[in-house]
Amino acid sequence: MESPCILVCSIDDTTGYCFGCGRTREEIGGWISYSSDQRRSVMAELPARLATIERKPRRETRRTRMARERGEA
C-alpha cells in the first residue's frame, strides 16, 4: 500500500497537517480504509500542504538517523 509516511508523526497546530507527510489526523487514521484512488488524490495535495507549514520538525526522522548511523548522510 502506498503511504507518504516518513515516520515523523507530529501535527502542526496551525494547519493540522503532519510535519512529515502533510496528512491530517483523520487521513492518517483512515488511510488503510481509503481506496487507491483516494490515497493518490490525497498524495497529490501533500506537496502544497507541506509548503504551508512554517516550522519544520525538531527531531531527526528515523529514516535519516538510520542513514546517518550507516554513514550515508
C-alpha atoms as a PDB file:
ATOM      1  CA  MET A   1       0.000   0.000   0.000  1.00  0.00           C
ATOM      2  CA  GLU A   2       1.313   3.436  -0.908  1.00  0.00           C
ATOM      3  CA  SER A   3       1.937   5.752   2.009  1.00  0.00           C
ATOM      4  CA  PRO A   4       3.647   9.135   2.289  1.00  0.00           C
ATOM      5  CA  CYS A   5       4.649   8.455   5.892  1.00  0.00           C
ATOM      6  CA  ILE A   6       8.288   9.258   6.737  1.00  0.00           C
ATOM      7  CA  LEU A   7       7.969   8.342  10.428  1.00  0.00           C
ATOM      8  CA  VAL A   8       7.875  11.925  11.728  1.00  0.00           C
ATOM      9  CA  CYS A   9       4.264  11.845  13.007  1.00  0.00           C
ATOM     10  CA  SER A  10       3.915  15.277  14.554  1.00  0.00           C
ATOM     11  CA  ILE A  11       0.933  17.511  13.817  1.00  0.00           C
ATOM     12  CA  ASP A  12       1.276  21.249  13.173  1.00  0.00           C
ATOM     13  CA  ASP A  13      -1.207  23.033  15.456  1.00  0.00           C
ATOM     14  CA  THR A  14      -1.801  25.845  12.962  1.00  0.00           C
ATOM     15  CA  THR A  15      -2.548  23.847   9.803  1.00  0.00           C
ATOM     16  CA  GLY A  16      -3.499  20.468  11.256  1.00  0.00           C
ATOM     17  CA  TYR A  17      -1.068  18.763   8.875  1.00  0.00           C
ATOM     18  CA  CYS A  18       1.597  16.249   9.843  1.00  0.00           C
ATOM     19  CA  PHE A  19       5.092  17.773   9.623  1.00  0.00           C
ATOM     20  CA  GLY A  20       6.382  14.604   7.975  1.00  0.00           C
ATOM     21  CA  CYS A  21       3.782  13.667   5.392  1.00  0.00           C
ATOM     22  CA  GLY A  22       1.284  16.530   5.250  1.00  0.00           C
ATOM     23  CA  ARG A  23      -1.801  14.454   6.035  1.00  0.00           C
ATOM     24  CA  THR A  24      -4.434  15.348   8.637  1.00  0.00           C
ATOM     25  CA  ARG A  25      -5.106  13.169  11.680  1.00  0.00           C
ATOM     26  CA  GLU A  26      -8.289  11.951  10.011  1.00  0.00           C
ATOM     27  CA  GLU A  27      -6.444  10.986   6.840  1.00  0.00           C
ATOM     28  CA  ILE A  28      -3.727   9.192   8.789  1.00  0.00           C
ATOM     29  CA  GLY A  29      -6.307   7.273  10.829  1.00  0.00           C
ATOM     30  CA  GLY A  30      -8.423   6.312   7.825  1.00  0.00           C
ATOM     31  CA  TRP A  31      -5.572   5.666   5.380  1.00  0.00           C
ATOM     32  CA  ILE A  32      -5.865   1.887   5.432  1.00  0.00           C
ATOM     33  CA  SER A  33      -9.548   2.052   4.504  1.00  0.00           C
ATOM     34  CA  TYR A  34      -9.032   4.504   1.598  1.00  0.00           C
ATOM     35  CA  SER A  35      -9.173   3.219  -1.967  1.00  0.00           C
ATOM     36  CA  SER A  36      -6.070   3.553  -4.133  1.00  0.00           C
ATOM     37  CA  ASP A  37      -7.717   6.474  -5.941  1.00  0.00           C
ATOM     38  CA  GLN A  38      -8.467   8.241  -2.646  1.00  0.00           C
ATOM     39  CA  ARG A  39      -4.878   7.761  -1.458  1.00  0.00           C
ATOM     40  CA  ARG A  40      -3.470   9.075  -4.745  1.00  0.00           C
ATOM     41  CA  SER A  41      -5.783  12.095  -4.560  1.00  0.00           C
ATOM     42  CA  VAL A  42      -4.585  12.974  -1.049  1.00  0.00           C
ATOM     43  CA  MET A  43      -0.953  12.346  -2.005  1.00  0.00           C
ATOM     44  CA  ALA A  44      -1.272  14.778  -4.920  1.00  0.00           C
ATOM     45  CA  GLU A  45      -2.172  17.543  -2.434  1.00  0.00           C
ATOM     46  CA  LEU A  46       0.665  16.869   0.014  1.00  0.00           C
ATOM     47  CA  PRO A  47       3.495  18.947  -1.547  1.00  0.00           C
ATOM     48  CA  ALA A  48       1.314  22.076  -1.463  1.00  0.00           C
ATOM     49  CA  ARG A  49       0.252  21.349   2.111  1.00  0.00           C
ATOM     50  CA  LEU A  50       3.820  20.829   3.297  1.00  0.00           C
ATOM     51  CA  ALA A  51       4.773  24.161   1.764  1.00  0.00           C
ATOM     52  CA  THR A  52       2.294  25.889   4.119  1.00  0.00           C
ATOM     53  CA  ILE A  53       3.945  24.547   7.274  1.00  0.00           C
ATOM     54  CA  GLU A  54       6.367  27.144   8.637  1.00  0.00           C
ATOM     55  CA  ARG A  55       8.107  25.221  11.410  1.00  0.00           C
ATOM     56  CA  LYS A  56       9.962  22.097  10.420  1.00  0.00           C
ATOM     57  CA  PRO A  57      10.129  19.126  12.769  1.00  0.00           C
ATOM     58  CA  ARG A  58      12.710  19.472  15.513  1.00  0.00           C
ATOM     59  CA  ARG A  59      13.671  15.867  15.736  1.00  0.00           C
ATOM     60  CA  GLU A  60      15.526  13.761  13.261  1.00  0.00           C
ATOM     61  CA  THR A  61      13.412  11.213  11.395  1.00  0.00           C
ATOM     62  CA  ARG A  62      14.087   7.565  11.990  1.00  0.00           C
ATOM     63  CA  ARG A  63      14.993   7.093   8.341  1.00  0.00           C
ATOM     64  CA  THR A  64      17.520   9.966   8.465  1.00  0.00           C
ATOM     65  CA  ARG A  65      19.019   8.738  11.738  1.00  0.00           C
ATOM     66  CA  MET A  66      19.442   5.222  10.376  1.00  0.00           C
ATOM     67  CA  ALA A  67      21.130   6.577   7.227  1.00  0.00           C
ATOM     68  CA  ARG A  68      23.412   8.771   9.362  1.00  0.00           C
ATOM     69  CA  GLU A  69      24.361   5.820  11.545  1.00  0.00           C
ATOM     70  CA  ARG A  70      25.201   3.790   8.439  1.00  0.00           C
ATOM     71  CA  GLY A  71      27.355   6.672   7.239  1.00  0.00           C
ATOM     72  CA  GLU A  72      25.150   7.508   4.264  1.00  0.00           C
ATOM     73  CA  ALA A  73      24.299  11.076   5.248  1.00  0.00           C
END
